[in-house]
């Protein structure tokens, strides 16, 4: 259901964000586009 990441810059709670995740494998990797809402920024 979600992602935890660390950043040097704050992102406001409630912001709609998009990003790509890379799923590695032995032969190649898969890049998956994702979007989500920032629930917390501590």
ModelCIF file with pLDDT and N, C-alpha, C, O atoms, coordinates in Angstrom:
data_MODEL
#
_entry.id   MODEL 
#
_entity.id                         1 
_entity.type                       polymer 
_entity.pdbx_number_of_molecules   1 
#
_entity_poly.entity_id                      1 
_entity_poly.type                           'polypeptide(L)' 
_entity_poly.nstd_linkage                   no 
_entity_poly.nstd_monomer                   no 
_entity_poly.pdbx_seq_one_letter_code       
;(UNK)(UNK)(UNK)(UNK)(UNK)(UNK)(UNK)(UNK)(UNK)(UNK)(UNK)(UNK)(UNK)(UNK)(UNK)(UNK)
(UNK)(UNK)(UNK)(UNK)(UNK)(UNK)(UNK)(UNK)(UNK)(UNK)(UNK)(UNK)(UNK)(UNK)(UNK)(UNK)
(UNK)(UNK)(UNK)(UNK)(UNK)(UNK)(UNK)(UNK)(UNK)(UNK)
;
_entity_poly.pdbx_seq_one_letter_code_can   XXXXXXXXXXXXXXXXXXXXXXXXXXXXXXXXXXXXXXXXXX 
_entity_poly.pdbx_strand_id                 A 
#
loop_
_entity_poly_seq.entity_id 
_entity_poly_seq.num 
_entity_poly_seq.mon_id 
_entity_poly_seq.hetero 
1 1  UNK n 
1 2  UNK n 
1 3  UNK n 
1 4  UNK n 
1 5  UNK n 
1 6  UNK n 
1 7  UNK n 
1 8  UNK n 
1 9  UNK n 
1 10 UNK n 
1 11 UNK n 
1 12 UNK n 
1 13 UNK n 
1 14 UNK n 
1 15 UNK n 
1 16 UNK n 
1 17 UNK n 
1 18 UNK n 
1 19 UNK n 
1 20 UNK n 
1 21 UNK n 
1 22 UNK n 
1 23 UNK n 
1 24 UNK n 
1 25 UNK n 
1 26 UNK n 
1 27 UNK n 
1 28 UNK n 
1 29 UNK n 
1 30 UNK n 
1 31 UNK n 
1 32 UNK n 
1 33 UNK n 
1 34 UNK n 
1 35 UNK n 
1 36 UNK n 
1 37 UNK n 
1 38 UNK n 
1 39 UNK n 
1 40 UNK n 
1 41 UNK n 
1 42 UNK n 
#
_struct_asym.id          A 
_struct_asym.entity_id   1 
#
loop_
_ma_qa_metric.id 
_ma_qa_metric.mode 
_ma_qa_metric.name 
_ma_qa_metric.software_group_id 
_ma_qa_metric.type 
1 global pLDDT . pLDDT 
2 local  pLDDT . pLDDT 
#
_ma_qa_metric_global.metric_id      1 
_ma_qa_metric_global.metric_value   93.67 
_ma_qa_metric_global.model_id       1 
_ma_qa_metric_global.ordinal_id     1 
#
loop_
_ma_qa_metric_local.label_asym_id 
_ma_qa_metric_local.label_comp_id 
_ma_qa_metric_local.label_seq_id 
_ma_qa_metric_local.metric_id 
_ma_qa_metric_local.metric_value 
_ma_qa_metric_local.model_id 
_ma_qa_metric_local.ordinal_id 
A UNK 1  2 91.00 1 1  
A UNK 2  2 93.00 1 2  
A UNK 3  2 96.00 1 3  
A UNK 4  2 97.00 1 4  
A UNK 5  2 98.00 1 5  
A UNK 6  2 98.00 1 6  
A UNK 7  2 98.00 1 7  
A UNK 8  2 97.00 1 8  
A UNK 9  2 96.00 1 9  
A UNK 10 2 96.00 1 10 
A UNK 11 2 96.00 1 11 
A UNK 12 2 95.00 1 12 
A UNK 13 2 97.00 1 13 
A UNK 14 2 96.00 1 14 
A UNK 15 2 95.00 1 15 
A UNK 16 2 95.00 1 16 
A UNK 17 2 96.00 1 17 
A UNK 18 2 96.00 1 18 
A UNK 19 2 96.00 1 19 
A UNK 20 2 95.00 1 20 
A UNK 21 2 93.00 1 21 
A UNK 22 2 90.00 1 22 
A UNK 23 2 86.00 1 23 
A UNK 24 2 82.00 1 24 
A UNK 25 2 83.00 1 25 
A UNK 26 2 86.00 1 26 
A UNK 27 2 87.00 1 27 
A UNK 28 2 88.00 1 28 
A UNK 29 2 89.00 1 29 
A UNK 30 2 89.00 1 30 
A UNK 31 2 91.00 1 31 
A UNK 32 2 91.00 1 32 
A UNK 33 2 94.00 1 33 
A UNK 34 2 94.00 1 34 
A UNK 35 2 95.00 1 35 
A UNK 36 2 96.00 1 36 
A UNK 37 2 97.00 1 37 
A UNK 38 2 97.00 1 38 
A UNK 39 2 97.00 1 39 
A UNK 40 2 97.00 1 40 
A UNK 41 2 98.00 1 41 
A UNK 42 2 97.00 1 42 
#
loop_
_atom_site.group_PDB 
_atom_site.id 
_atom_site.type_symbol 
_atom_site.label_atom_id 
_atom_site.label_alt_id 
_atom_site.label_comp_id 
_atom_site.label_asym_id 
_atom_site.label_entity_id 
_atom_site.label_seq_id 
_atom_site.pdbx_PDB_ins_code 
_atom_site.Cartn_x 
_atom_site.Cartn_y 
_atom_site.Cartn_z 
_atom_site.occupancy 
_atom_site.B_iso_or_equiv 
_atom_site.pdbx_formal_charge 
_atom_site.auth_seq_id 
_atom_site.auth_comp_id 
_atom_site.auth_asym_id 
_atom_site.auth_atom_id 
_atom_site.pdbx_PDB_model_num 
ATOM 1   N N  . UNK A 1 1  ? 0.788  -1.237  0.000   1.00 91.00 ? 1  UNK A N  1 
ATOM 2   C CA . UNK A 1 1  ? 0.000  0.000   0.000   1.00 91.00 ? 1  UNK A CA 1 
ATOM 3   C C  . UNK A 1 1  ? 0.818  1.284   0.000   1.00 91.00 ? 1  UNK A C  1 
ATOM 4   O O  . UNK A 1 1  ? 0.254  2.364   -0.180  1.00 91.00 ? 1  UNK A O  1 
ATOM 5   N N  . UNK A 1 2  ? 2.152  1.198   0.199   1.00 93.00 ? 2  UNK A N  1 
ATOM 6   C CA . UNK A 1 2  ? 2.881  2.456   0.261   1.00 93.00 ? 2  UNK A CA 1 
ATOM 7   C C  . UNK A 1 2  ? 4.388  2.323   0.286   1.00 93.00 ? 2  UNK A C  1 
ATOM 8   O O  . UNK A 1 2  ? 4.961  1.238   0.184   1.00 93.00 ? 2  UNK A O  1 
ATOM 9   N N  . UNK A 1 3  ? 5.005  3.502   0.429   1.00 96.00 ? 3  UNK A N  1 
ATOM 10  C CA . UNK A 1 3  ? 6.457  3.632   0.353   1.00 96.00 ? 3  UNK A CA 1 
ATOM 11  C C  . UNK A 1 3  ? 6.939  4.548   1.466   1.00 96.00 ? 3  UNK A C  1 
ATOM 12  O O  . UNK A 1 3  ? 6.310  5.564   1.762   1.00 96.00 ? 3  UNK A O  1 
ATOM 13  N N  . UNK A 1 4  ? 8.063  4.181   2.082   1.00 97.00 ? 4  UNK A N  1 
ATOM 14  C CA . UNK A 1 4  ? 8.751  5.059   3.024   1.00 97.00 ? 4  UNK A CA 1 
ATOM 15  C C  . UNK A 1 4  ? 10.075 5.429   2.385   1.00 97.00 ? 4  UNK A C  1 
ATOM 16  O O  . UNK A 1 4  ? 10.844 4.559   1.976   1.00 97.00 ? 4  UNK A O  1 
ATOM 17  N N  . UNK A 1 5  ? 10.340 6.737   2.300   1.00 98.00 ? 5  UNK A N  1 
ATOM 18  C CA . UNK A 1 5  ? 11.608 7.193   1.753   1.00 98.00 ? 5  UNK A CA 1 
ATOM 19  C C  . UNK A 1 5  ? 12.141 8.348   2.593   1.00 98.00 ? 5  UNK A C  1 
ATOM 20  O O  . UNK A 1 5  ? 11.422 8.921   3.412   1.00 98.00 ? 5  UNK A O  1 
ATOM 21  N N  . UNK A 1 6  ? 13.414 8.681   2.375   1.00 98.00 ? 6  UNK A N  1 
ATOM 22  C CA . UNK A 1 6  ? 14.083 9.752   3.102   1.00 98.00 ? 6  UNK A CA 1 
ATOM 23  C C  . UNK A 1 6  ? 14.525 10.804  2.101   1.00 98.00 ? 6  UNK A C  1 
ATOM 24  O O  . UNK A 1 6  ? 15.058 10.471  1.042   1.00 98.00 ? 6  UNK A O  1 
ATOM 25  N N  . UNK A 1 7  ? 14.306 12.081  2.430   1.00 98.00 ? 7  UNK A N  1 
ATOM 26  C CA . UNK A 1 7  ? 14.718 13.188  1.561   1.00 98.00 ? 7  UNK A CA 1 
ATOM 27  C C  . UNK A 1 7  ? 15.299 14.309  2.394   1.00 98.00 ? 7  UNK A C  1 
ATOM 28  O O  . UNK A 1 7  ? 15.011 14.434  3.585   1.00 98.00 ? 7  UNK A O  1 
ATOM 29  N N  . UNK A 1 8  ? 16.116 15.117  1.759   1.00 97.00 ? 8  UNK A N  1 
ATOM 30  C CA . UNK A 1 8  ? 16.662 16.291  2.430   1.00 97.00 ? 8  UNK A CA 1 
ATOM 31  C C  . UNK A 1 8  ? 15.671 17.453  2.423   1.00 97.00 ? 8  UNK A C  1 
ATOM 32  O O  . UNK A 1 8  ? 15.804 18.399  3.199   1.00 97.00 ? 8  UNK A O  1 
ATOM 33  N N  . UNK A 1 9  ? 14.674 17.369  1.536   1.00 96.00 ? 9  UNK A N  1 
ATOM 34  C CA . UNK A 1 9  ? 13.670 18.425  1.435   1.00 96.00 ? 9  UNK A CA 1 
ATOM 35  C C  . UNK A 1 9  ? 12.317 17.912  1.908   1.00 96.00 ? 9  UNK A C  1 
ATOM 36  O O  . UNK A 1 9  ? 11.984 16.739  1.738   1.00 96.00 ? 9  UNK A O  1 
ATOM 37  N N  . UNK A 1 10 ? 11.552 18.806  2.499   1.00 96.00 ? 10 UNK A N  1 
ATOM 38  C CA . UNK A 1 10 ? 10.212 18.476  2.989   1.00 96.00 ? 10 UNK A CA 1 
ATOM 39  C C  . UNK A 1 10 ? 9.216  18.442  1.835   1.00 96.00 ? 10 UNK A C  1 
ATOM 40  O O  . UNK A 1 10 ? 9.301  19.243  0.904   1.00 96.00 ? 10 UNK A O  1 
ATOM 41  N N  . UNK A 1 11 ? 8.279  17.515  1.905   1.00 96.00 ? 11 UNK A N  1 
ATOM 42  C CA . UNK A 1 11 ? 7.147  17.471  0.979   1.00 96.00 ? 11 UNK A CA 1 
ATOM 43  C C  . UNK A 1 11 ? 5.890  17.586  1.826   1.00 96.00 ? 11 UNK A C  1 
ATOM 44  O O  . UNK A 1 11 ? 5.713  16.837  2.788   1.00 96.00 ? 11 UNK A O  1 
ATOM 45  N N  . UNK A 1 12 ? 5.033  18.507  1.477   1.00 95.00 ? 12 UNK A N  1 
ATOM 46  C CA . UNK A 1 12 ? 3.833  18.764  2.276   1.00 95.00 ? 12 UNK A CA 1 
ATOM 47  C C  . UNK A 1 12 ? 2.890  17.567  2.313   1.00 95.00 ? 12 UNK A C  1 
ATOM 48  O O  . UNK A 1 12 ? 2.671  16.908  1.296   1.00 95.00 ? 12 UNK A O  1 
ATOM 49  N N  . UNK A 1 13 ? 2.343  17.295  3.474   1.00 97.00 ? 13 UNK A N  1 
ATOM 50  C CA . UNK A 1 13 ? 1.334  16.257  3.642   1.00 97.00 ? 13 UNK A CA 1 
ATOM 51  C C  . UNK A 1 13 ? 0.139  16.583  2.747   1.00 97.00 ? 13 UNK A C  1 
ATOM 52  O O  . UNK A 1 13 ? -0.272 17.738  2.635   1.00 97.00 ? 13 UNK A O  1 
ATOM 53  N N  . UNK A 1 14 ? -0.406 15.552  2.115   1.00 96.00 ? 14 UNK A N  1 
ATOM 54  C CA . UNK A 1 14 ? -1.556 15.723  1.236   1.00 96.00 ? 14 UNK A CA 1 
ATOM 55  C C  . UNK A 1 14 ? -1.202 15.939  -0.225  1.00 96.00 ? 14 UNK A C  1 
ATOM 56  O O  . UNK A 1 14 ? -2.081 15.918  -1.086  1.00 96.00 ? 14 UNK A O  1 
ATOM 57  N N  . UNK A 1 15 ? 0.091  16.148  -0.516  1.00 95.00 ? 15 UNK A N  1 
ATOM 58  C CA . UNK A 1 15 ? 0.515  16.369  -1.906  1.00 95.00 ? 15 UNK A CA 1 
ATOM 59  C C  . UNK A 1 15 ? 0.377  15.086  -2.723  1.00 95.00 ? 15 UNK A C  1 
ATOM 60  O O  . UNK A 1 15 ? 0.692  13.995  -2.247  1.00 95.00 ? 15 UNK A O  1 
ATOM 61  N N  . UNK A 1 16 ? -0.094 15.233  -3.951  1.00 95.00 ? 16 UNK A N  1 
ATOM 62  C CA . UNK A 1 16 ? -0.108 14.130  -4.900  1.00 95.00 ? 16 UNK A CA 1 
ATOM 63  C C  . UNK A 1 16 ? 1.258  14.109  -5.581  1.00 95.00 ? 16 UNK A C  1 
ATOM 64  O O  . UNK A 1 16 ? 1.691  15.119  -6.134  1.00 95.00 ? 16 UNK A O  1 
ATOM 65  N N  . UNK A 1 17 ? 1.929  12.973  -5.543  1.00 96.00 ? 17 UNK A N  1 
ATOM 66  C CA . UNK A 1 17 ? 3.271  12.850  -6.105  1.00 96.00 ? 17 UNK A CA 1 
ATOM 67  C C  . UNK A 1 17 ? 3.307  11.687  -7.089  1.00 96.00 ? 17 UNK A C  1 
ATOM 68  O O  . UNK A 1 17 ? 2.485  10.772  -7.028  1.00 96.00 ? 17 UNK A O  1 
ATOM 69  N N  . UNK A 1 18 ? 4.270  11.742  -7.990  1.00 96.00 ? 18 UNK A N  1 
ATOM 70  C CA . UNK A 1 18 ? 4.486  10.614  -8.902  1.00 96.00 ? 18 UNK A CA 1 
ATOM 71  C C  . UNK A 1 18 ? 5.969  10.275  -8.894  1.00 96.00 ? 18 UNK A C  1 
ATOM 72  O O  . UNK A 1 18 ? 6.815  11.122  -8.605  1.00 96.00 ? 18 UNK A O  1 
ATOM 73  N N  . UNK A 1 19 ? 6.268  9.026   -9.214  1.00 96.00 ? 19 UNK A N  1 
ATOM 74  C CA . UNK A 1 19 ? 7.648  8.533   -9.189  1.00 96.00 ? 19 UNK A CA 1 
ATOM 75  C C  . UNK A 1 19 ? 7.703  7.213   -9.932  1.00 96.00 ? 19 UNK A C  1 
ATOM 76  O O  . UNK A 1 19 ? 6.672  6.634   -10.272 1.00 96.00 ? 19 UNK A O  1 
ATOM 77  N N  . UNK A 1 20 ? 8.911  6.745   -10.181 1.00 95.00 ? 20 UNK A N  1 
ATOM 78  C CA . UNK A 1 20 ? 9.115  5.460   -10.838 1.00 95.00 ? 20 UNK A CA 1 
ATOM 79  C C  . UNK A 1 20 ? 9.952  4.573   -9.934  1.00 95.00 ? 20 UNK A C  1 
ATOM 80  O O  . UNK A 1 20 ? 10.953 5.010   -9.366  1.00 95.00 ? 20 UNK A O  1 
ATOM 81  N N  . UNK A 1 21 ? 9.535  3.331   -9.808  1.00 93.00 ? 21 UNK A N  1 
ATOM 82  C CA . UNK A 1 21 ? 10.284 2.339   -9.041  1.00 93.00 ? 21 UNK A CA 1 
ATOM 83  C C  . UNK A 1 21 ? 10.945 1.373   -10.017 1.00 93.00 ? 21 UNK A C  1 
ATOM 84  O O  . UNK A 1 21 ? 10.360 1.003   -11.035 1.00 93.00 ? 21 UNK A O  1 
ATOM 85  N N  . UNK A 1 22 ? 12.153 0.977   -9.698  1.00 90.00 ? 22 UNK A N  1 
ATOM 86  C CA . UNK A 1 22 ? 12.867 0.009   -10.523 1.00 90.00 ? 22 UNK A CA 1 
ATOM 87  C C  . UNK A 1 22 ? 12.890 -1.332  -9.814  1.00 90.00 ? 22 UNK A C  1 
ATOM 88  O O  . UNK A 1 22 ? 13.306 -1.435  -8.660  1.00 90.00 ? 22 UNK A O  1 
ATOM 89  N N  . UNK A 1 23 ? 12.438 -2.354  -10.519 1.00 86.00 ? 23 UNK A N  1 
ATOM 90  C CA . UNK A 1 23 ? 12.425 -3.704  -9.973  1.00 86.00 ? 23 UNK A CA 1 
ATOM 91  C C  . UNK A 1 23 ? 13.509 -4.490  -10.717 1.00 86.00 ? 23 UNK A C  1 
ATOM 92  O O  . UNK A 1 23 ? 13.347 -4.823  -11.891 1.00 86.00 ? 23 UNK A O  1 
ATOM 93  N N  . UNK A 1 24 ? 14.613 -4.782  -10.027 1.00 82.00 ? 24 UNK A N  1 
ATOM 94  C CA . UNK A 1 24 ? 15.726 -5.465  -10.702 1.00 82.00 ? 24 UNK A CA 1 
ATOM 95  C C  . UNK A 1 24 ? 15.464 -6.964  -10.857 1.00 82.00 ? 24 UNK A C  1 
ATOM 96  O O  . UNK A 1 24 ? 14.722 -7.570  -10.084 1.00 82.00 ? 24 UNK A O  1 
ATOM 97  N N  . UNK A 1 25 ? 16.088 -7.528  -11.860 1.00 83.00 ? 25 UNK A N  1 
ATOM 98  C CA . UNK A 1 25 ? 16.087 -8.984  -12.016 1.00 83.00 ? 25 UNK A CA 1 
ATOM 99  C C  . UNK A 1 25 ? 17.428 -9.387  -12.605 1.00 83.00 ? 25 UNK A C  1 
ATOM 100 O O  . UNK A 1 25 ? 18.255 -8.526  -12.908 1.00 83.00 ? 25 UNK A O  1 
ATOM 101 N N  . UNK A 1 26 ? 17.653 -10.674 -12.770 1.00 86.00 ? 26 UNK A N  1 
ATOM 102 C CA . UNK A 1 26 ? 18.931 -11.164 -13.282 1.00 86.00 ? 26 UNK A CA 1 
ATOM 103 C C  . UNK A 1 26 ? 19.203 -10.710 -14.719 1.00 86.00 ? 26 UNK A C  1 
ATOM 104 O O  . UNK A 1 26 ? 20.337 -10.364 -15.050 1.00 86.00 ? 26 UNK A O  1 
ATOM 105 N N  . UNK A 1 27 ? 18.184 -10.706 -15.567 1.00 87.00 ? 27 UNK A N  1 
ATOM 106 C CA . UNK A 1 27 ? 18.373 -10.401 -16.980 1.00 87.00 ? 27 UNK A CA 1 
ATOM 107 C C  . UNK A 1 27 ? 18.182 -8.926  -17.310 1.00 87.00 ? 27 UNK A C  1 
ATOM 108 O O  . UNK A 1 27 ? 18.894 -8.384  -18.154 1.00 87.00 ? 27 UNK A O  1 
ATOM 109 N N  . UNK A 1 28 ? 17.255 -8.291  -16.669 1.00 88.00 ? 28 UNK A N  1 
ATOM 110 C CA . UNK A 1 28 ? 16.983 -6.876  -16.931 1.00 88.00 ? 28 UNK A CA 1 
ATOM 111 C C  . UNK A 1 28 ? 16.228 -6.303  -15.737 1.00 88.00 ? 28 UNK A C  1 
ATOM 112 O O  . UNK A 1 28 ? 16.027 -6.985  -14.732 1.00 88.00 ? 28 UNK A O  1 
ATOM 113 N N  . UNK A 1 29 ? 15.820 -5.069  -15.854 1.00 89.00 ? 29 UNK A N  1 
ATOM 114 C CA . UNK A 1 29 ? 15.030 -4.484  -14.780 1.00 89.00 ? 29 UNK A CA 1 
ATOM 115 C C  . UNK A 1 29 ? 13.750 -3.912  -15.364 1.00 89.00 ? 29 UNK A C  1 
ATOM 116 O O  . UNK A 1 29 ? 13.664 -3.644  -16.563 1.00 89.00 ? 29 UNK A O  1 
ATOM 117 N N  . UNK A 1 30 ? 12.774 -3.730  -14.516 1.00 89.00 ? 30 UNK A N  1 
ATOM 118 C CA . UNK A 1 30 ? 11.472 -3.216  -14.901 1.00 89.00 ? 30 UNK A CA 1 
ATOM 119 C C  . UNK A 1 30 ? 11.258 -1.906  -14.170 1.00 89.00 ? 30 UNK A C  1 
ATOM 120 O O  . UNK A 1 30 ? 11.442 -1.835  -12.955 1.00 89.00 ? 30 UNK A O  1 
ATOM 121 N N  . UNK A 1 31 ? 10.868 -0.864  -14.900 1.00 91.00 ? 31 UNK A N  1 
ATOM 122 C CA . UNK A 1 31 ? 10.562 0.419   -14.287 1.00 91.00 ? 31 UNK A CA 1 
ATOM 123 C C  . UNK A 1 31 ? 9.054  0.592   -14.274 1.00 91.00 ? 31 UNK A C  1 
ATOM 124 O O  . UNK A 1 31 ? 8.396  0.491   -15.310 1.00 91.00 ? 31 UNK A O  1 
ATOM 125 N N  . UNK A 1 32 ? 8.508  0.857   -13.080 1.00 91.00 ? 32 UNK A N  1 
ATOM 126 C CA . UNK A 1 32 ? 7.075  0.938   -12.891 1.00 91.00 ? 32 UNK A CA 1 
ATOM 127 C C  . UNK A 1 32 ? 6.680  2.352   -12.469 1.00 91.00 ? 32 UNK A C  1 
ATOM 128 O O  . UNK A 1 32 ? 7.143  2.836   -11.436 1.00 91.00 ? 32 UNK A O  1 
ATOM 129 N N  . UNK A 1 33 ? 5.825  3.026   -13.259 1.00 94.00 ? 33 UNK A N  1 
ATOM 130 C CA . UNK A 1 33 ? 5.360  4.353   -12.850 1.00 94.00 ? 33 UNK A CA 1 
ATOM 131 C C  . UNK A 1 33 ? 4.343  4.228   -11.718 1.00 94.00 ? 33 UNK A C  1 
ATOM 132 O O  . UNK A 1 33 ? 3.479  3.352   -11.749 1.00 94.00 ? 33 UNK A O  1 
ATOM 133 N N  . UNK A 1 34 ? 4.448  5.107   -10.719 1.00 94.00 ? 34 UNK A N  1 
ATOM 134 C CA . UNK A 1 34 ? 3.562  5.057   -9.556  1.00 94.00 ? 34 UNK A CA 1 
ATOM 135 C C  . UNK A 1 34 ? 3.127  6.475   -9.179  1.00 94.00 ? 34 UNK A C  1 
ATOM 136 O O  . UNK A 1 34 ? 3.765  7.460   -9.551  1.00 94.00 ? 34 UNK A O  1 
ATOM 137 N N  . UNK A 1 35 ? 2.047  6.550   -8.448  1.00 95.00 ? 35 UNK A N  1 
ATOM 138 C CA . UNK A 1 35 ? 1.654  7.818   -7.852  1.00 95.00 ? 35 UNK A CA 1 
ATOM 139 C C  . UNK A 1 35 ? 1.075  7.550   -6.478  1.00 95.00 ? 35 UNK A C  1 
ATOM 140 O O  . UNK A 1 35 ? 0.628  6.444   -6.176  1.00 95.00 ? 35 UNK A O  1 
ATOM 141 N N  . UNK A 1 36 ? 1.093  8.589   -5.651  1.00 96.00 ? 36 UNK A N  1 
ATOM 142 C CA . UNK A 1 36 ? 0.582  8.434   -4.301  1.00 96.00 ? 36 UNK A CA 1 
ATOM 143 C C  . UNK A 1 36 ? 0.369  9.775   -3.636  1.00 96.00 ? 36 UNK A C  1 
ATOM 144 O O  . UNK A 1 36 ? 0.662  10.830  -4.200  1.00 96.00 ? 36 UNK A O  1 
ATOM 145 N N  . UNK A 1 37 ? -0.140 9.708   -2.444  1.00 97.00 ? 37 UNK A N  1 
ATOM 146 C CA . UNK A 1 37 ? -0.395 10.895  -1.630  1.00 97.00 ? 37 UNK A CA 1 
ATOM 147 C C  . UNK A 1 37 ? 0.513  10.835  -0.412  1.00 97.00 ? 37 UNK A C  1 
ATOM 148 O O  . UNK A 1 37 ? 0.629  9.793   0.233   1.00 97.00 ? 37 UNK A O  1 
ATOM 149 N N  . UNK A 1 38 ? 1.154  11.954  -0.100  1.00 97.00 ? 38 UNK A N  1 
ATOM 150 C CA . UNK A 1 38 ? 2.030  12.025  1.063   1.00 97.00 ? 38 UNK A CA 1 
ATOM 151 C C  . UNK A 1 38 ? 1.167  12.015  2.325   1.00 97.00 ? 38 UNK A C  1 
ATOM 152 O O  . UNK A 1 38 ? 0.396  12.943  2.572   1.00 97.00 ? 38 UNK A O  1 
ATOM 153 N N  . UNK A 1 39 ? 1.309  10.952  3.117   1.00 97.00 ? 39 UNK A N  1 
ATOM 154 C CA . UNK A 1 39 ? 0.548  10.828  4.361   1.00 97.00 ? 39 UNK A CA 1 
ATOM 155 C C  . UNK A 1 39 ? 1.239  11.516  5.531   1.00 97.00 ? 39 UNK A C  1 
ATOM 156 O O  . UNK A 1 39 ? 0.589  12.121  6.384   1.00 97.00 ? 39 UNK A O  1 
ATOM 157 N N  . UNK A 1 40 ? 2.584  11.412  5.560   1.00 97.00 ? 40 UNK A N  1 
ATOM 158 C CA . UNK A 1 40 ? 3.379  12.010  6.645   1.00 97.00 ? 40 UNK A CA 1 
ATOM 159 C C  . UNK A 1 40 ? 4.716  12.451  6.117   1.00 97.00 ? 40 UNK A C  1 
ATOM 160 O O  . UNK A 1 40 ? 5.257  11.870  5.176   1.00 97.00 ? 40 UNK A O  1 
ATOM 161 N N  . UNK A 1 41 ? 5.239  13.484  6.732   1.00 98.00 ? 41 UNK A N  1 
ATOM 162 C CA . UNK A 1 41 ? 6.590  13.950  6.426   1.00 98.00 ? 41 UNK A CA 1 
ATOM 163 C C  . UNK A 1 41 ? 7.186  14.397  7.758   1.00 98.00 ? 41 UNK A C  1 
ATOM 164 O O  . UNK A 1 41 ? 6.921  15.504  8.225   1.00 98.00 ? 41 UNK A O  1 
ATOM 165 N N  . UNK A 1 42 ? 7.990  13.532  8.361   1.00 97.00 ? 42 UNK A N  1 
ATOM 166 C CA . UNK A 1 42 ? 8.543  13.770  9.695   1.00 97.00 ? 42 UNK A CA 1 
ATOM 167 C C  . UNK A 1 42 ? 10.009 14.160  9.601   1.00 97.00 ? 42 UNK A C  1 
ATOM 168 O O  . UNK A 1 42 ? 10.650 14.401  10.624  1.00 97.00 ? 42 UNK A O  1 
#
